[in-house]
PDB file of N, CA and C in Angstrom:
ATOM      1  N   MET A   1      -8.658  -1.329  -7.717  1.00  0.00           N
ATOM      2  CA  MET A   1      -7.541  -0.709  -8.042  1.00  0.00           C
ATOM      3  C   MET A   1      -8.212   0.966  -8.712  1.00  0.00           C
ATOM      4  N   ARG A   2      -7.428   1.620  -8.324  1.00  0.00           N
ATOM      5  CA  ARG A   2      -7.663   3.162  -9.223  1.00  0.00           C
ATOM      6  C   ARG A   2      -6.238   3.639  -9.465  1.00  0.00           C
ATOM      7  N   ARG A   3      -6.190   4.358 -10.913  1.00  0.00           N
ATOM      8  CA  ARG A   3      -4.873   4.949 -10.905  1.00  0.00           C
ATOM      9  C   ARG A   3      -5.290   6.554 -11.736  1.00  0.00           C
ATOM     10  N   GLU A   4      -4.172   7.172 -11.050  1.00  0.00           N
ATOM     11  CA  GLU A   4      -4.072   8.757 -11.959  1.00  0.00           C
ATOM     12  C   GLU A   4      -2.837   8.762 -12.183  1.00  0.00           C
ATOM     13  N   PRO A   5      -2.664  10.058 -12.515  1.00  0.00           N
ATOM     14  CA  PRO A   5      -1.167  10.343 -12.885  1.00  0.00           C
ATOM     15  C   PRO A   5      -0.751  10.954 -11.327  1.00  0.00           C
ATOM     16  N   ARG A   6       0.635  10.137 -11.160  1.00  0.00           N
ATOM     17  CA  ARG A   6       1.231  10.276 -10.058  1.00  0.00           C
ATOM     18  C   ARG A   6       0.294   9.880  -8.769  1.00  0.00           C
ATOM     19  N   TYR A   7      -0.888   9.291  -8.907  1.00  0.00           N
ATOM     20  CA  TYR A   7      -1.341   8.311  -8.078  1.00  0.00           C
ATOM     21  C   TYR A   7      -1.903   7.229  -8.318  1.00  0.00           C
ATOM     22  N   THR A   8      -1.867   6.108  -7.182  1.00  0.00           N
ATOM     23  CA  THR A   8      -2.247   5.060  -7.382  1.00  0.00           C
ATOM     24  C   THR A   8      -2.856   4.429  -6.268  1.00  0.00           C
ATOM     25  N   TYR A   9      -4.207   3.656  -6.200  1.00  0.00           N
ATOM     26  CA  TYR A   9      -5.101   3.564  -4.715  1.00  0.00           C
ATOM     27  C   TYR A   9      -5.186   1.716  -4.738  1.00  0.00           C
ATOM     28  N   ALA A  10      -5.296   0.785  -3.824  1.00  0.00           N
ATOM     29  CA  ALA A  10      -5.391  -0.338  -4.396  1.00  0.00           C
ATOM     30  C   ALA A  10      -5.716  -0.993  -2.741  1.00  0.00           C
ATOM     31  N   GLN A  11      -6.536  -2.087  -3.023  1.00  0.00           N
ATOM     32  CA  GLN A  11      -6.835  -2.981  -1.832  1.00  0.00           C
ATOM     33  C   GLN A  11      -6.084  -4.015  -1.755  1.00  0.00           C
ATOM     34  N   PHE A  12      -5.460  -4.800  -0.325  1.00  0.00           N
ATOM     35  CA  PHE A  12      -5.272  -5.837  -0.068  1.00  0.00           C
ATOM     36  C   PHE A  12      -6.317  -6.602   1.000  1.00  0.00           C
ATOM     37  N   THR A  13      -6.516  -7.849   0.546  1.00  0.00           N
ATOM     38  CA  THR A  13      -7.448  -8.833   1.693  1.00  0.00           C
ATOM     39  C   THR A  13      -6.973  -9.902   1.795  1.00  0.00           C
ATOM     40  N   THR A  14      -7.096  -9.672   2.914  1.00  0.00           N
ATOM     41  CA  THR A  14      -6.624 -11.112   3.860  1.00  0.00           C
ATOM     42  C   THR A  14      -7.163 -12.188   3.225  1.00  0.00           C
ATOM     43  N   ARG A  15      -6.537 -13.227   3.268  1.00  0.00           N
ATOM     44  CA  ARG A  15      -6.927 -14.807   2.892  1.00  0.00           C
ATOM     45  C   ARG A  15      -8.297 -15.485   3.946  1.00  0.00           C
ATOM     46  N   ILE A  16      -7.768 -15.416   4.989  1.00  0.00           N
ATOM     47  CA  ILE A  16      -8.476 -16.146   5.784  1.00  0.00           C
ATOM     48  C   ILE A  16      -9.916 -15.227   6.127  1.00  0.00           C
ATOM     49  N   VAL A  17      -9.491 -14.501   7.186  1.00  0.00           N
ATOM     50  CA  VAL A  17     -10.614 -13.613   7.529  1.00  0.00           C
ATOM     51  C   VAL A  17     -11.586 -12.540   6.505  1.00  0.00           C
ATOM     52  N   LYS A  18     -10.825 -12.350   5.243  1.00  0.00           N
ATOM     53  CA  LYS A  18     -11.076 -11.185   4.505  1.00  0.00           C
ATOM     54  C   LYS A  18     -10.966  -9.847   4.915  1.00  0.00           C
ATOM     55  N   TYR A  19      -9.959  -9.265   5.807  1.00  0.00           N
ATOM     56  CA  TYR A  19     -10.213  -8.284   6.082  1.00  0.00           C
ATOM     57  C   TYR A  19      -9.371  -7.529   5.178  1.00  0.00           C
ATOM     58  N   VAL A  20     -10.092  -6.361   4.773  1.00  0.00           N
ATOM     59  CA  VAL A  20      -9.807  -5.068   3.891  1.00  0.00           C
ATOM     60  C   VAL A  20      -8.573  -4.059   3.995  1.00  0.00           C
ATOM     61  N   ASP A  21      -7.398  -3.960   3.480  1.00  0.00           N
ATOM     62  CA  ASP A  21      -6.294  -2.524   3.852  1.00  0.00           C
ATOM     63  C   ASP A  21      -6.436  -1.971   2.403  1.00  0.00           C
ATOM     64  N   ASP A  22      -6.181  -0.969   2.898  1.00  0.00           N
ATOM     65  CA  ASP A  22      -6.230   0.294   1.606  1.00  0.00           C
ATOM     66  C   ASP A  22      -4.833   0.743   1.759  1.00  0.00           C
ATOM     67  N   VAL A  23      -4.198   0.994   0.671  1.00  0.00           N
ATOM     68  CA  VAL A  23      -3.102   1.500   0.412  1.00  0.00           C
ATOM     69  C   VAL A  23      -3.181   2.654  -0.703  1.00  0.00           C
ATOM     70  N   GLU A  24      -2.626   3.261  -0.500  1.00  0.00           N
ATOM     71  CA  GLU A  24      -2.204   4.863  -1.518  1.00  0.00           C
ATOM     72  C   GLU A  24      -0.894   4.992  -1.787  1.00  0.00           C
ATOM     73  N   PHE A  25      -0.147   5.311  -3.243  1.00  0.00           N
ATOM     74  CA  PHE A  25       1.177   5.573  -3.603  1.00  0.00           C
ATOM     75  C   PHE A  25       0.415   7.415  -4.169  1.00  0.00           C
ATOM     76  N   TRP A  26       1.729   7.652  -4.166  1.00  0.00           N
ATOM     77  CA  TRP A  26       1.510   9.458  -4.620  1.00  0.00           C
ATOM     78  C   TRP A  26       2.608   9.719  -4.537  1.00  0.00           C
ATOM     79  N   LEU A  27       3.337   9.780  -6.130  1.00  0.00           N
ATOM     80  CA  LEU A  27       4.578  10.646  -6.960  1.00  0.00           C
ATOM     81  C   LEU A  27       4.692  11.529  -5.967  1.00  0.00           C
ATOM     82  N   ASP A  28       5.796  12.376  -5.502  1.00  0.00           N
ATOM     83  CA  ASP A  28       5.826  13.228  -5.131  1.00  0.00           C
ATOM     84  C   ASP A  28       7.266  14.340  -5.995  1.00  0.00           C
ATOM     85  N   PRO A  29       6.781  15.037  -6.695  1.00  0.00           N
ATOM     86  CA  PRO A  29       7.659  15.330  -7.920  1.00  0.00           C
ATOM     87  C   PRO A  29       8.582  16.278  -7.145  1.00  0.00           C
ATOM     88  N   GLU A  30       8.441  16.598  -6.161  1.00  0.00           N
ATOM     89  CA  GLU A  30       9.271  18.222  -5.768  1.00  0.00           C
ATOM     90  C   GLU A  30      10.503  17.401  -4.803  1.00  0.00           C
ATOM     91  N   VAL A  31      10.074  16.516  -4.368  1.00  0.00           N
ATOM     92  CA  VAL A  31      11.078  15.619  -3.474  1.00  0.00           C
ATOM     93  C   VAL A  31      11.686  14.515  -4.009  1.00  0.00           C
ATOM     94  N   LYS A  32      11.019  13.669  -5.096  1.00  0.00           N
ATOM     95  CA  LYS A  32      11.344  12.564  -6.233  1.00  0.00           C
ATOM     96  C   LYS A  32      11.144  11.588  -5.519  1.00  0.00           C
ATOM     97  N   VAL A  33       9.928  11.590  -4.326  1.00  0.00           N
ATOM     98  CA  VAL A  33       9.849  10.495  -3.541  1.00  0.00           C
ATOM     99  C   VAL A  33       8.653   9.737  -3.779  1.00  0.00           C
ATOM    100  N   ILE A  34       8.214   8.402  -3.584  1.00  0.00           N
ATOM    101  CA  ILE A  34       7.146   7.988  -3.245  1.00  0.00           C
ATOM    102  C   ILE A  34       6.390   8.055  -2.026  1.00  0.00           C
ATOM    103  N   GLN A  35       5.430   8.970  -1.700  1.00  0.00           N
ATOM    104  CA  GLN A  35       4.440   8.592  -0.541  1.00  0.00           C
ATOM    105  C   GLN A  35       3.951   7.421  -0.478  1.00  0.00           C
ATOM    106  N   VAL A  36       3.634   6.962   0.619  1.00  0.00           N
ATOM    107  CA  VAL A  36       2.976   6.001   0.926  1.00  0.00           C
ATOM    108  C   VAL A  36       1.791   5.968   1.610  1.00  0.00           C
ATOM    109  N   ARG A  37       0.639   5.372   2.036  1.00  0.00           N
ATOM    110  CA  ARG A  37      -0.662   5.516   3.308  1.00  0.00           C
ATOM    111  C   ARG A  37      -0.964   4.063   3.244  1.00  0.00           C
ATOM    112  N   SER A  38      -0.678   3.383   3.950  1.00  0.00           N
ATOM    113  CA  SER A  38      -1.557   1.777   4.081  1.00  0.00           C
ATOM    114  C   SER A  38      -2.253   1.501   5.833  1.00  0.00           C
ATOM    115  N   ALA A  39      -3.690   1.102   5.564  1.00  0.00           N
ATOM    116  CA  ALA A  39      -4.331   1.279   6.504  1.00  0.00           C
ATOM    117  C   ALA A  39      -5.410   0.126   6.922  1.00  0.00           C
ATOM    118  N   SER A  40      -5.164  -0.627   7.734  1.00  0.00           N
ATOM    119  CA  SER A  40      -6.480  -1.384   8.274  1.00  0.00           C
ATOM    120  C   SER A  40      -7.524  -0.757   8.156  1.00  0.00           C
ATOM    121  N   ARG A  41      -8.962  -1.751   7.849  1.00  0.00           N
ATOM    122  CA  ARG A  41     -10.458  -0.852   7.993  1.00  0.00           C
ATOM    123  C   ARG A  41     -10.776  -1.468   9.059  1.00  0.00           C
ATOM    124  N   LEU A  42     -10.302  -2.356   9.629  1.00  0.00           N
ATOM    125  CA  LEU A  42     -10.983  -2.530  11.187  1.00  0.00           C
ATOM    126  C   LEU A  42      -9.740  -3.065  11.768  1.00  0.00           C
ATOM    127  N   GLY A  43     -10.120  -3.188  13.443  1.00  0.00           N
ATOM    128  CA  GLY A  43      -8.987  -3.746  14.368  1.00  0.00           C
ATOM    129  C   GLY A  43      -7.845  -2.732  14.703  1.00  0.00           C
ATOM    130  N   LYS A  44      -7.651  -3.114  15.319  1.00  0.00           N
ATOM    131  CA  LYS A  44      -6.739  -1.884  16.525  1.00  0.00           C
ATOM    132  C   LYS A  44      -4.724  -2.034  15.918  1.00  0.00           C
ATOM    133  N   SER A  45      -4.561  -3.618  15.639  1.00  0.00           N
ATOM    134  CA  SER A  45      -3.264  -3.826  15.039  1.00  0.00           C
ATOM    135  C   SER A  45      -3.568  -4.727  13.505  1.00  0.00           C
ATOM    136  N   ASP A  46      -2.795  -4.498  12.810  1.00  0.00           N
ATOM    137  CA  ASP A  46      -2.890  -5.532  11.350  1.00  0.00           C
ATOM    138  C   ASP A  46      -1.705  -6.496  11.937  1.00  0.00           C
ATOM    139  N   LEU A  47      -0.695  -6.735  13.357  1.00  0.00           N
ATOM    140  CA  LEU A  47       0.240  -7.269  13.496  1.00  0.00           C
ATOM    141  C   LEU A  47       1.132  -7.143  12.017  1.00  0.00           C
ATOM    142  N   GLY A  48       1.665  -5.936  11.569  1.00  0.00           N
ATOM    143  CA  GLY A  48       2.657  -5.769  10.881  1.00  0.00           C
ATOM    144  C   GLY A  48       2.252  -6.118   9.184  1.00  0.00           C
ATOM    145  N   VAL A  49       1.135  -6.493   8.836  1.00  0.00           N
ATOM    146  CA  VAL A  49       0.831  -7.179   7.720  1.00  0.00           C
ATOM    147  C   VAL A  49       1.115  -5.995   6.392  1.00  0.00           C
ATOM    148  N   ASN A  50       0.463  -4.433   6.934  1.00  0.00           N
ATOM    149  CA  ASN A  50       0.766  -3.592   5.861  1.00  0.00           C
ATOM    150  C   ASN A  50       2.433  -3.486   5.605  1.00  0.00           C
ATOM    151  N   ARG A  51       2.817  -3.099   6.494  1.00  0.00           N
ATOM    152  CA  ARG A  51       4.303  -3.543   6.321  1.00  0.00           C
ATOM    153  C   ARG A  51       4.749  -3.723   5.574  1.00  0.00           C
ATOM    154  N   LYS A  52       4.248  -5.193   5.791  1.00  0.00           N
ATOM    155  CA  LYS A  52       4.779  -6.326   4.834  1.00  0.00           C
ATOM    156  C   LYS A  52       4.862  -6.005   3.437  1.00  0.00           C
ATOM    157  N   HIS A  53       3.003  -5.945   3.235  1.00  0.00           N
ATOM    158  CA  HIS A  53       2.857  -5.577   1.250  1.00  0.00           C
ATOM    159  C   HIS A  53       3.188  -4.089   0.806  1.00  0.00           C
ATOM    160  N   ILE A  54       4.025  -3.358   1.886  1.00  0.00           N
ATOM    161  CA  ILE A  54       4.072  -2.313   1.243  1.00  0.00           C
ATOM    162  C   ILE A  54       5.774  -2.591   0.996  1.00  0.00           C
ATOM    163  N   GLU A  55       6.284  -3.181   1.932  1.00  0.00           N
ATOM    164  CA  GLU A  55       7.637  -3.867   1.991  1.00  0.00           C
ATOM    165  C   GLU A  55       7.630  -4.609  -0.071  1.00  0.00           C
ATOM    166  N   SER A  56       6.744  -5.494   0.628  1.00  0.00           N
ATOM    167  CA  SER A  56       6.600  -6.654  -1.106  1.00  0.00           C
ATOM    168  C   SER A  56       6.626  -5.859  -1.977  1.00  0.00           C
ATOM    169  N   VAL A  57       5.736  -4.458  -2.164  1.00  0.00           N
ATOM    170  CA  VAL A  57       5.876  -3.931  -3.660  1.00  0.00           C
ATOM    171  C   VAL A  57       6.624  -3.346  -3.654  1.00  0.00           C
ATOM    172  N   ARG A  58       7.441  -2.440  -2.488  1.00  0.00           N
ATOM    173  CA  ARG A  58       9.047  -2.016  -2.598  1.00  0.00           C
ATOM    174  C   ARG A  58      10.145  -2.814  -3.300  1.00  0.00           C
ATOM    175  N   GLU A  59      10.311  -4.244  -3.187  1.00  0.00           N
ATOM    176  CA  GLU A  59      11.195  -5.025  -3.822  1.00  0.00           C
ATOM    177  C   GLU A  59      10.603  -5.321  -4.905  1.00  0.00           C
ATOM    178  N   LYS A  60       9.555  -5.361  -5.224  1.00  0.00           N
ATOM    179  CA  LYS A  60       9.058  -5.367  -6.734  1.00  0.00           C
ATOM    180  C   LYS A  60       9.381  -4.418  -7.676  1.00  0.00           C
ATOM    181  N   LEU A  61       9.322  -3.466  -6.971  1.00  0.00           N
ATOM    182  CA  LEU A  61       9.912  -2.068  -7.831  1.00  0.00           C
ATOM    183  C   LEU A  61      11.048  -1.880  -8.231  1.00  0.00           C
ATOM    184  N   LEU A  62      11.856  -2.196  -6.828  1.00  0.00           N
ATOM    185  CA  LEU A  62      13.194  -2.112  -7.088  1.00  0.00           C
ATOM    186  C   LEU A  62      14.157  -2.828  -7.874  1.00  0.00           C
ATOM    187  N   ASN A  63      13.194  -4.205  -8.014  1.00  0.00           N
ATOM    188  CA  ASN A  63      13.821  -5.338  -8.627  1.00  0.00           C
ATOM    189  C   ASN A  63      12.963  -5.352 -10.266  1.00  0.00           C
ATOM    190  N   SER A  64      12.861  -4.336 -10.621  1.00  0.00           N
ATOM    191  CA  SER A  64      11.940  -4.230 -11.697  1.00  0.00           C
ATOM    192  C   SER A  64      12.792  -3.756 -12.873  1.00  0.00           C
TER     193      SER A  64
END
């Protein structure tokens, strides 16, 4: 994980195959939103796993 003011980079690793997904969060102060980018390093489809990661983070932020 790497953190800077208004920016965070992290990695998710799948349990079985050990694929790595990159995820970035950037706080956009002008529009007061958090921009999110999530991408698999390998393959053509992640079967929705990246979205599930982001939704999990979002849920935790909303409930904290």
